[in-house]
C-alpha atoms as a PDB file:
ATOM      1  CA  MET A   1     -50.226  14.937  31.579  1.00  0.00           C
ATOM      2  CA  ARG A   2     -53.302  14.257  33.148  1.00  0.00           C
ATOM      3  CA  ARG A   3     -54.439  10.919  33.538  1.00  0.00           C
ATOM      4  CA  THR A   4     -57.657   9.419  32.201  1.00  0.00           C
ATOM      5  CA  SER A   5     -60.783   9.935  34.268  1.00  0.00           C
ATOM      6  CA  ALA A   6     -63.147   7.728  34.686  1.00  0.00           C
ATOM      7  CA  GLY A   7     -66.102  10.171  34.019  1.00  0.00           C
ATOM      8  CA  VAL A   8     -64.751  10.357  30.280  1.00  0.00           C
ATOM      9  CA  LEU A   9     -64.641   6.615  30.136  1.00  0.00           C
ATOM     10  CA  ALA A  10     -68.086   6.376  31.197  1.00  0.00           C
ATOM     11  CA  ALA A  11     -69.344   8.981  28.697  1.00  0.00           C
ATOM     12  CA  LEU A  12     -67.749   6.986  26.090  1.00  0.00           C
ATOM     13  CA  GLY A  13     -69.116   3.811  27.213  1.00  0.00           C
ATOM     14  CA  LEU A  14     -72.921   5.673  27.297  1.00  0.00           C
ATOM     15  CA  VAL A  15     -72.203   7.025  23.385  1.00  0.00           C
ATOM     16  CA  GLY A  16     -71.047   3.991  22.293  1.00  0.00           C
ATOM     17  CA  GLY A  17     -74.089   2.161  23.897  1.00  0.00           C
ATOM     18  CA  GLY A  18     -76.127   4.528  21.870  1.00  0.00           C
ATOM     19  CA  VAL A  19     -74.339   4.500  18.586  1.00  0.00           C
ATOM     20  CA  GLY A  20     -74.430   0.335  18.966  1.00  0.00           C
ATOM     21  CA  TYR A  21     -77.796   0.276  19.477  1.00  0.00           C
ATOM     22  CA  LEU A  22     -79.026   2.792  17.190  1.00  0.00           C
ATOM     23  CA  LEU A  23     -76.939   1.039  14.334  1.00  0.00           C
ATOM     24  CA  ASP A  24     -78.858  -2.382  15.000  1.00  0.00           C
ATOM     25  CA  HIS A  25     -82.286  -0.366  15.081  1.00  0.00           C
ATOM     26  CA  LEU A  26     -81.394   1.308  11.643  1.00  0.00           C
ATOM     27  CA  LEU A  27     -80.097  -1.802   9.980  1.00  0.00           C
ATOM     28  CA  THR A  28     -83.312  -3.765  11.400  1.00  0.00           C
ATOM     29  CA  VAL A  29     -85.861  -0.983  10.076  1.00  0.00           C
ATOM     30  CA  SER A  30     -84.069  -1.171   6.890  1.00  0.00           C
ATOM     31  CA  GLY A  31     -84.371  -5.100   6.029  1.00  0.00           C
ATOM     32  CA  ARG A  32     -80.962  -5.717   7.159  1.00  0.00           C
ATOM     33  CA  ALA A  33     -79.402  -8.251   9.729  1.00  0.00           C
ATOM     34  CA  THR A  34     -78.098  -7.023  12.682  1.00  0.00           C
ATOM     35  CA  PHE A  35     -74.656  -6.348  12.997  1.00  0.00           C
ATOM     36  CA  THR A  36     -72.275  -8.834  14.269  1.00  0.00           C
ATOM     37  CA  PRO A  37     -68.502  -8.145  14.835  1.00  0.00           C
ATOM     38  CA  SER A  38     -65.741 -10.426  13.590  1.00  0.00           C
ATOM     39  CA  VAL A  39     -64.626 -13.146  15.887  1.00  0.00           C
ATOM     40  CA  PHE A  40     -61.162 -11.768  15.597  1.00  0.00           C
ATOM     41  CA  LEU A  41     -61.933  -8.271  17.061  1.00  0.00           C
ATOM     42  CA  PRO A  42     -61.772  -9.400  20.662  1.00  0.00           C
ATOM     43  CA  VAL A  43     -58.597 -11.310  19.817  1.00  0.00           C
ATOM     44  CA  LEU A  44     -56.668  -8.223  18.402  1.00  0.00           C
ATOM     45  CA  LEU A  45     -58.001  -6.059  21.495  1.00  0.00           C
ATOM     46  CA  VAL A  46     -56.472  -8.424  23.926  1.00  0.00           C
ATOM     47  CA  LEU A  47     -53.107  -8.178  21.260  1.00  0.00           C
ATOM     48  CA  LEU A  48     -53.587  -4.510  22.087  1.00  0.00           C
ATOM     49  CA  ALA A  49     -53.462  -5.060  25.748  1.00  0.00           C
ATOM     50  CA  VAL A  50     -50.615  -6.721  25.749  1.00  0.00           C
ATOM     51  CA  ALA A  51     -48.717  -4.455  23.005  1.00  0.00           C
ATOM     52  CA  VAL A  52     -49.958  -1.349  25.468  1.00  0.00           C
ATOM     53  CA  LEU A  53     -48.571  -2.702  28.719  1.00  0.00           C
ATOM     54  CA  GLY A  54     -45.142  -4.080  26.653  1.00  0.00           C
ATOM     55  CA  VAL A  55     -44.539  -0.564  25.485  1.00  0.00           C
ATOM     56  CA  ALA A  56     -45.143   0.908  29.164  1.00  0.00           C
ATOM     57  CA  TRP A  57     -43.066  -1.687  31.034  1.00  0.00           C
ATOM     58  CA  PRO A  58     -39.472  -0.589  29.979  1.00  0.00           C
ATOM     59  CA  VAL A  59     -40.923   2.583  31.333  1.00  0.00           C
ATOM     60  CA  ARG A  60     -42.190   1.284  34.676  1.00  0.00           C
ATOM     61  CA  ARG A  61     -38.445  -0.267  34.939  1.00  0.00           C
ATOM     62  CA  SER A  62     -36.589   2.637  34.680  1.00  0.00           C
ATOM     63  CA  VAL A  63     -38.689   4.607  37.175  1.00  0.00           C
ATOM     64  CA  ARG A  64     -38.046   1.519  39.683  1.00  0.00           C
ATOM     65  CA  THR A  65     -34.846   1.442  39.084  1.00  0.00           C
ATOM     66  CA  GLY A  66     -33.651   4.816  39.260  1.00  0.00           C
ATOM     67  CA  ILE A  67     -32.100   4.767  35.062  1.00  0.00           C
ATOM     68  CA  ARG A  68     -33.386   7.978  33.309  1.00  0.00           C
ATOM     69  CA  ILE A  69     -35.316   7.275  30.252  1.00  0.00           C
ATOM     70  CA  ASP A  70     -36.236   9.997  27.665  1.00  0.00           C
ATOM     71  CA  PRO A  71     -39.618  11.564  28.343  1.00  0.00           C
ATOM     72  CA  PHE A  72     -40.838  11.599  24.783  1.00  0.00           C
ATOM     73  CA  ARG A  73     -40.472   7.802  24.968  1.00  0.00           C
ATOM     74  CA  ALA A  74     -42.570   7.863  28.143  1.00  0.00           C
ATOM     75  CA  LEU A  75     -44.832  10.477  26.792  1.00  0.00           C
ATOM     76  CA  ARG A  76     -45.680   8.262  23.695  1.00  0.00           C
ATOM     77  CA  ALA A  77     -46.575   5.318  25.790  1.00  0.00           C
ATOM     78  CA  ALA A  78     -48.724   7.118  27.699  1.00  0.00           C
ATOM     79  CA  THR A  79     -50.345   8.710  24.734  1.00  0.00           C
ATOM     80  CA  LEU A  80     -50.975   4.847  23.582  1.00  0.00           C
ATOM     81  CA  ALA A  81     -52.616   3.899  26.862  1.00  0.00           C
ATOM     82  CA  ARG A  82     -54.694   6.823  27.083  1.00  0.00           C
ATOM     83  CA  ALA A  83     -55.741   5.981  23.345  1.00  0.00           C
ATOM     84  CA  SER A  84     -56.362   2.794  24.127  1.00  0.00           C
ATOM     85  CA  SER A  85     -58.566   3.501  27.069  1.00  0.00           C
ATOM     86  CA  LEU A  86     -60.658   5.598  25.258  1.00  0.00           C
ATOM     87  CA  LEU A  87     -61.163   3.120  22.133  1.00  0.00           C
ATOM     88  CA  GLY A  88     -61.622   0.430  24.871  1.00  0.00           C
ATOM     89  CA  ALA A  89     -64.298   2.273  26.514  1.00  0.00           C
ATOM     90  CA  LEU A  90     -66.008   3.047  23.428  1.00  0.00           C
ATOM     91  CA  LEU A  91     -65.863  -0.461  22.151  1.00  0.00           C
ATOM     92  CA  ALA A  92     -67.322  -1.695  25.190  1.00  0.00           C
ATOM     93  CA  GLY A  93     -70.059   0.751  24.790  1.00  0.00           C
ATOM     94  CA  VAL A  94     -71.089  -0.344  21.389  1.00  0.00           C
ATOM     95  CA  GLY A  95     -70.572  -3.952  22.404  1.00  0.00           C
ATOM     96  CA  ALA A  96     -73.387  -3.565  24.893  1.00  0.00           C
ATOM     97  CA  GLY A  97     -75.794  -1.474  22.677  1.00  0.00           C
ATOM     98  CA  LEU A  98     -75.887  -4.285  20.330  1.00  0.00           C
ATOM     99  CA  LEU A  99     -76.318  -6.808  23.197  1.00  0.00           C
ATOM    100  CA  VAL A 100     -78.981  -4.604  24.108  1.00  0.00           C
ATOM    101  CA  PHE A 101     -80.578  -4.395  20.958  1.00  0.00           C
ATOM    102  CA  LEU A 102     -79.923  -7.886  20.319  1.00  0.00           C
ATOM    103  CA  LEU A 103     -81.968  -9.297  23.704  1.00  0.00           C
ATOM    104  CA  ALA A 104     -84.533  -6.859  23.646  1.00  0.00           C
ATOM    105  CA  ARG A 105     -85.752  -8.213  20.350  1.00  0.00           C
ATOM    106  CA  PRO A 106     -88.962 -10.618  20.668  1.00  0.00           C
ATOM    107  CA  ILE A 107     -87.420 -13.444  19.027  1.00  0.00           C
ATOM    108  CA  ASP A 108     -84.107 -15.597  20.567  1.00  0.00           C
ATOM    109  CA  PRO A 109     -81.114 -14.061  19.388  1.00  0.00           C
ATOM    110  CA  PRO A 110     -78.939 -16.476  17.674  1.00  0.00           C
ATOM    111  CA  VAL A 111     -75.850 -17.908  20.217  1.00  0.00           C
ATOM    112  CA  GLY A 112     -73.433 -17.367  18.244  1.00  0.00           C
ATOM    113  CA  SER A 113     -74.231 -13.234  18.141  1.00  0.00           C
ATOM    114  CA  THR A 114     -74.328 -13.279  21.770  1.00  0.00           C
ATOM    115  CA  VAL A 115     -71.024 -15.067  22.114  1.00  0.00           C
ATOM    116  CA  ALA A 116     -69.603 -12.572  19.968  1.00  0.00           C
ATOM    117  CA  LEU A 117     -70.615  -9.096  21.559  1.00  0.00           C
ATOM    118  CA  VAL A 118     -70.110 -10.499  25.290  1.00  0.00           C
ATOM    119  CA  SER A 119     -66.503 -11.484  23.781  1.00  0.00           C
ATOM    120  CA  LEU A 120     -66.065  -7.898  22.644  1.00  0.00           C
ATOM    121  CA  ILE A 121     -67.748  -6.522  25.689  1.00  0.00           C
ATOM    122  CA  ALA A 122     -65.150  -8.415  27.842  1.00  0.00           C
ATOM    123  CA  SER A 123     -62.140  -8.028  25.920  1.00  0.00           C
ATOM    124  CA  SER A 124     -62.673  -4.320  25.380  1.00  0.00           C
ATOM    125  CA  LEU A 125     -63.019  -3.976  29.397  1.00  0.00           C
ATOM    126  CA  VAL A 126     -59.589  -5.850  29.104  1.00  0.00           C
ATOM    127  CA  LEU A 127     -58.392  -3.294  26.996  1.00  0.00           C
ATOM    128  CA  VAL A 128     -59.399  -0.390  29.374  1.00  0.00           C
ATOM    129  CA  ALA A 129     -58.081  -2.144  32.260  1.00  0.00           C
ATOM    130  CA  ALA A 130     -54.276  -2.559  30.703  1.00  0.00           C
ATOM    131  CA  ALA A 131     -54.195   0.536  29.049  1.00  0.00           C
ATOM    132  CA  LEU A 132     -55.311   2.385  32.736  1.00  0.00           C
ATOM    133  CA  VAL A 133     -52.544   0.475  34.082  1.00  0.00           C
ATOM    134  CA  ALA A 134     -49.959   1.063  31.539  1.00  0.00           C
ATOM    135  CA  GLU A 135     -50.983   5.004  32.291  1.00  0.00           C
ATOM    136  CA  GLN A 136     -49.928   4.000  35.416  1.00  0.00           C
ATOM    137  CA  PHE A 137     -46.572   2.931  34.788  1.00  0.00           C
ATOM    138  CA  CYS A 138     -45.894   5.713  32.491  1.00  0.00           C
ATOM    139  CA  THR A 139     -45.943   8.149  35.589  1.00  0.00           C
ATOM    140  CA  LEU A 140     -42.584   9.468  35.724  1.00  0.00           C
ATOM    141  CA  PRO A 141     -41.107  11.051  39.320  1.00  0.00           C
ATOM    142  CA  LYS A 142     -40.573  14.929  39.521  1.00  0.00           C
ATOM    143  CA  ASP A 143     -37.316  15.732  38.245  1.00  0.00           C
ATOM    144  CA  PRO A 144     -34.858  16.993  40.436  1.00  0.00           C
ATOM    145  CA  ASP A 145     -33.623  19.879  37.867  1.00  0.00           C
ATOM    146  CA  ASP A 146     -37.114  21.214  37.942  1.00  0.00           C
ATOM    147  CA  PRO A 147     -37.032  24.412  39.674  1.00  0.00           C
ATOM    148  CA  GLU A 148     -39.772  24.329  42.597  1.00  0.00           C
ATOM    149  CA  PRO A 149     -42.788  26.517  42.102  1.00  0.00           C
ATOM    150  CA  ARG A 150     -42.325  29.774  43.922  1.00  0.00           C
ATOM    151  CA  GLU A 151     -45.074  30.995  46.024  1.00  0.00           C
ATOM    152  CA  ARG A 152     -45.975  34.620  44.763  1.00  0.00           C
ATOM    153  CA  THR A 153     -44.159  37.092  46.669  1.00  0.00           C
ATOM    154  CA  PRO A 154     -46.116  40.796  47.323  1.00  0.00           C
ATOM    155  CA  GLU A 155     -44.429  43.681  44.836  1.00  0.00           C
ATOM    156  CA  PRO A 156     -42.076  46.238  46.214  1.00  0.00           C
ATOM    157  CA  GLY A 157     -44.227  49.437  47.010  1.00  0.00           C
ATOM    158  CA  GLY A 158     -47.371  47.849  47.555  1.00  0.00           C
ATOM    159  CA  GLY A 159     -48.548  47.425  43.777  1.00  0.00           C
ATOM    160  CA  HIS A 160     -50.836  45.097  42.535  1.00  0.00           C
END
């Protein structure tokens, strides 16, 4: 399993930014109030970041001490870390898109909405960072029982 690339995270952030901006624009055009996320969402994202690190920590400990761990446990922890980093990047983009729309309006934005969006972006970035660290924790060393990849040897008789 390859690690999550910065390009994928940046692309998801841009897509999320577009979705957030478009959502607020459509709400405003239809005469409704702009979207403000719940105050509990950043708290949940930070708790998710702690949980992701907590799930990946035993894998890291087993790698450092040399104790064998179930590879499926490591795979589940790595998958959770990857999903969390993608979610964090997407939510950071959505929060940024909402904030850009809010700040681009001709009226002064409410302080509560601005603080909620900034905390959403910050907690999403904390989730991305924690998930990338957890993904690093889940990198297992090569199993000594696995055969080394052999170089191709030419077939006898010069055949292709």
